Amino acid sequence: RPSKYPVIMSVKVCVGLVTGSWLCGLVNLVTHTLLAITLTLCGPNQISHFLCDTPLLFKLSCSDTSVNESALYVVSATIGLSPCLFTAGSYTLIMAAILGIPFAQERRKAFSTFVSPLTVVVVFYATANFHYDRPREGWTRTPWYLCSFVW
């Protein structure tokens, strides 16, 4: 309902969405920072990456990282899966609306407009899923297709 967008997206809704995004990021940051403080680091103390990603700290740790890994996967699945499901739900409703158009030519025109953003969303989530949800070393007993659900 694009014509109702200014009514639906009020200042209150916009502030709520921004606040929710910032709070999710803050909870994620604080959780991983507090858990990383408990790690005992040893070894080369060098990370050969541009970013200091949390799993890279696990490789430098001499202590048990199972709690940290569990928290990482639960938080990542929650924060990563929520937008994906929301987007998939939105696109399902859009697809249902397009299929409900009575005339084939109008349906084809609407679908051609819809395919481009759908392709971008699918490529984004597919590459993110491939990069972040694939099994790591030591997780060989878990089938690759269950990783995002198990972790």
Protein backbone atom coordinates (compact mmCIF):
# COMPACT_ATOMS: atom_id res chain seq x y z
CA ARG A 1 0.00 0.00 0.00
CA PRO A 2 2.45 2.67 -1.20
CA SER A 3 -0.17 5.41 -1.03
CA LYS A 4 -0.51 4.89 2.74
CA TYR A 5 3.26 4.97 3.37
CA PRO A 6 3.32 8.52 4.86
CA VAL A 7 0.58 7.53 7.31
CA ILE A 8 2.09 4.16 8.25
CA MET A 9 5.68 5.45 8.49
CA SER A 10 5.04 8.16 11.05
CA VAL A 11 7.79 9.81 13.06
CA LYS A 12 6.91 7.55 16.00
CA VAL A 13 7.29 4.38 13.90
CA CYS A 14 10.53 5.65 12.37
CA VAL A 15 12.01 6.47 15.79
CA GLY A 16 10.92 3.04 17.05
CA LEU A 17 12.63 1.27 14.15
CA VAL A 18 15.85 3.24 14.58
CA THR A 19 15.84 2.71 18.34
CA GLY A 20 15.25 -1.02 17.89
CA SER A 21 18.15 -1.27 15.44
CA TRP A 22 20.49 0.57 17.77
CA LEU A 23 19.42 -1.53 20.76
CA CYS A 24 20.01 -4.78 18.85
CA GLY A 25 23.49 -3.60 17.91
CA LEU A 26 24.21 -2.47 21.47
CA VAL A 27 23.08 -5.77 23.00
CA ASN A 28 25.18 -7.66 20.46
CA LEU A 29 28.23 -5.50 21.16
CA VAL A 30 27.96 -5.67 24.94
CA THR A 31 27.34 -9.43 24.95
CA HIS A 32 30.38 -10.26 22.84
CA THR A 33 32.60 -7.72 24.57
CA LEU A 34 31.79 -9.06 28.03
CA LEU A 35 32.34 -12.63 26.90
CA ALA A 36 35.60 -11.73 25.12
CA ILE A 37 36.95 -10.14 28.30
CA THR A 38 36.77 -13.55 29.98
CA LEU A 39 39.03 -15.18 27.37
CA THR A 40 42.66 -15.93 28.13
CA LEU A 41 44.62 -15.10 24.99
CA CYS A 42 47.82 -16.84 23.98
CA GLY A 43 49.63 -17.76 20.81
CA PRO A 44 50.77 -15.43 18.07
CA ASN A 45 48.41 -12.58 19.15
CA GLN A 46 48.07 -11.57 15.51
CA ILE A 47 44.94 -11.67 13.42
CA SER A 48 45.54 -11.68 9.67
CA HIS A 49 42.29 -9.89 8.83
CA PHE A 50 41.18 -6.32 8.41
CA LEU A 51 38.48 -6.66 11.07
CA CYS A 52 38.84 -8.21 14.52
CA ASP A 53 35.96 -10.65 14.14
CA THR A 54 34.86 -12.60 17.22
CA PRO A 55 35.58 -16.13 15.89
CA LEU A 56 39.15 -15.04 15.16
CA LEU A 57 39.60 -14.28 18.86
CA PHE A 58 38.55 -17.84 19.66
CA LYS A 59 41.56 -19.14 17.73
CA LEU A 60 43.87 -17.02 19.90
CA SER A 61 42.31 -18.20 23.15
CA CYS A 62 43.79 -20.84 25.45
CA SER A 63 40.60 -21.03 27.51
CA ASP A 64 37.31 -22.78 26.78
CA THR A 65 35.31 -20.83 24.19
CA SER A 66 32.17 -22.97 24.12
CA VAL A 67 30.04 -20.37 25.96
CA ASN A 68 31.32 -17.65 23.65
CA GLU A 69 30.61 -19.76 20.55
CA SER A 70 27.12 -20.62 21.74
CA ALA A 71 26.34 -16.97 22.46
CA LEU A 72 27.76 -15.96 19.09
CA TYR A 73 25.60 -18.41 17.18
CA VAL A 74 22.41 -17.67 19.13
CA VAL A 75 22.79 -13.91 18.79
CA SER A 76 23.88 -14.14 15.15
CA ALA A 77 20.98 -16.41 14.25
CA THR A 78 18.51 -14.15 16.05
CA ILE A 79 19.81 -10.88 14.63
CA GLY A 80 20.52 -12.34 11.21
CA LEU A 81 17.41 -14.46 10.80
CA SER A 82 14.87 -11.85 11.91
CA PRO A 83 15.41 -9.41 9.02
CA CYS A 84 15.59 -12.32 6.57
CA LEU A 85 12.23 -13.69 7.72
CA PHE A 86 10.67 -10.23 7.74
CA THR A 87 11.92 -9.58 4.21
CA ALA A 88 10.77 -13.01 3.01
CA GLY A 89 7.32 -12.36 4.49
CA SER A 90 7.11 -8.96 2.81
CA TYR A 91 8.14 -10.34 -0.55
CA THR A 92 5.64 -13.20 -0.20
CA LEU A 93 2.85 -10.67 0.31
CA ILE A 94 4.05 -8.66 -2.69
CA MET A 95 4.13 -11.83 -4.81
CA ALA A 96 0.60 -12.73 -3.69
CA ALA A 97 -0.59 -9.24 -4.65
CA ILE A 98 1.04 -9.54 -8.07
CA LEU A 99 -0.53 -12.94 -8.67
CA GLY A 100 -3.89 -11.45 -7.74
CA ILE A 101 -3.78 -8.97 -10.63
CA PRO A 102 -6.49 -10.08 -13.07
CA PHE A 103 -4.84 -9.02 -16.35
CA ALA A 104 -1.81 -10.92 -17.65
CA GLN A 105 -0.11 -7.89 -19.19
CA GLU A 106 -0.37 -5.86 -15.96
CA ARG A 107 0.75 -8.88 -13.94
CA ARG A 108 3.79 -9.30 -16.23
CA LYS A 109 4.67 -5.58 -15.90
CA ALA A 110 4.38 -5.69 -12.09
CA PHE A 111 6.44 -8.87 -11.94
CA SER A 112 9.19 -7.37 -14.13
CA THR A 113 9.40 -4.45 -11.68
CA PHE A 114 9.45 -6.87 -8.74
CA VAL A 115 12.21 -9.20 -10.04
CA SER A 116 15.09 -6.72 -9.76
CA PRO A 117 14.83 -5.96 -6.01
CA LEU A 118 14.00 -9.63 -5.36
CA THR A 119 17.24 -10.65 -7.07
CA VAL A 120 19.24 -8.21 -4.95
CA VAL A 121 17.67 -9.52 -1.74
CA VAL A 122 18.24 -13.17 -2.69
CA VAL A 123 21.89 -12.54 -3.64
CA PHE A 124 22.49 -10.56 -0.42
CA TYR A 125 21.03 -13.17 1.93
CA ALA A 126 22.50 -16.10 0.00
CA THR A 127 26.04 -14.73 0.14
CA ALA A 128 25.69 -13.71 3.79
CA ASN A 129 24.35 -17.16 4.65
CA PHE A 130 27.15 -18.86 2.74
CA HIS A 131 29.80 -16.73 4.41
CA TYR A 132 28.58 -16.73 8.01
CA ASP A 133 26.52 -19.92 8.41
CA ARG A 134 28.82 -22.49 6.89
CA PRO A 135 30.40 -25.01 9.26
CA ARG A 136 33.73 -24.16 10.80
CA GLU A 137 36.53 -26.51 11.74
CA GLY A 138 35.47 -28.80 14.56
CA TRP A 139 31.81 -28.80 13.53
CA THR A 140 32.13 -31.65 11.02
CA ARG A 141 29.45 -33.78 12.70
CA THR A 142 26.74 -31.25 11.93
CA PRO A 143 25.32 -31.43 8.37
CA TRP A 144 25.85 -28.16 6.47
CA TYR A 145 22.13 -27.64 5.90
CA LEU A 146 21.38 -27.72 9.66
CA CYS A 147 24.12 -25.32 10.73
CA SER A 148 22.01 -22.19 10.99
CA PHE A 149 19.36 -24.08 12.99
CA VAL A 150 21.75 -25.99 15.27
CA TRP A 151 23.98 -23.06 16.10
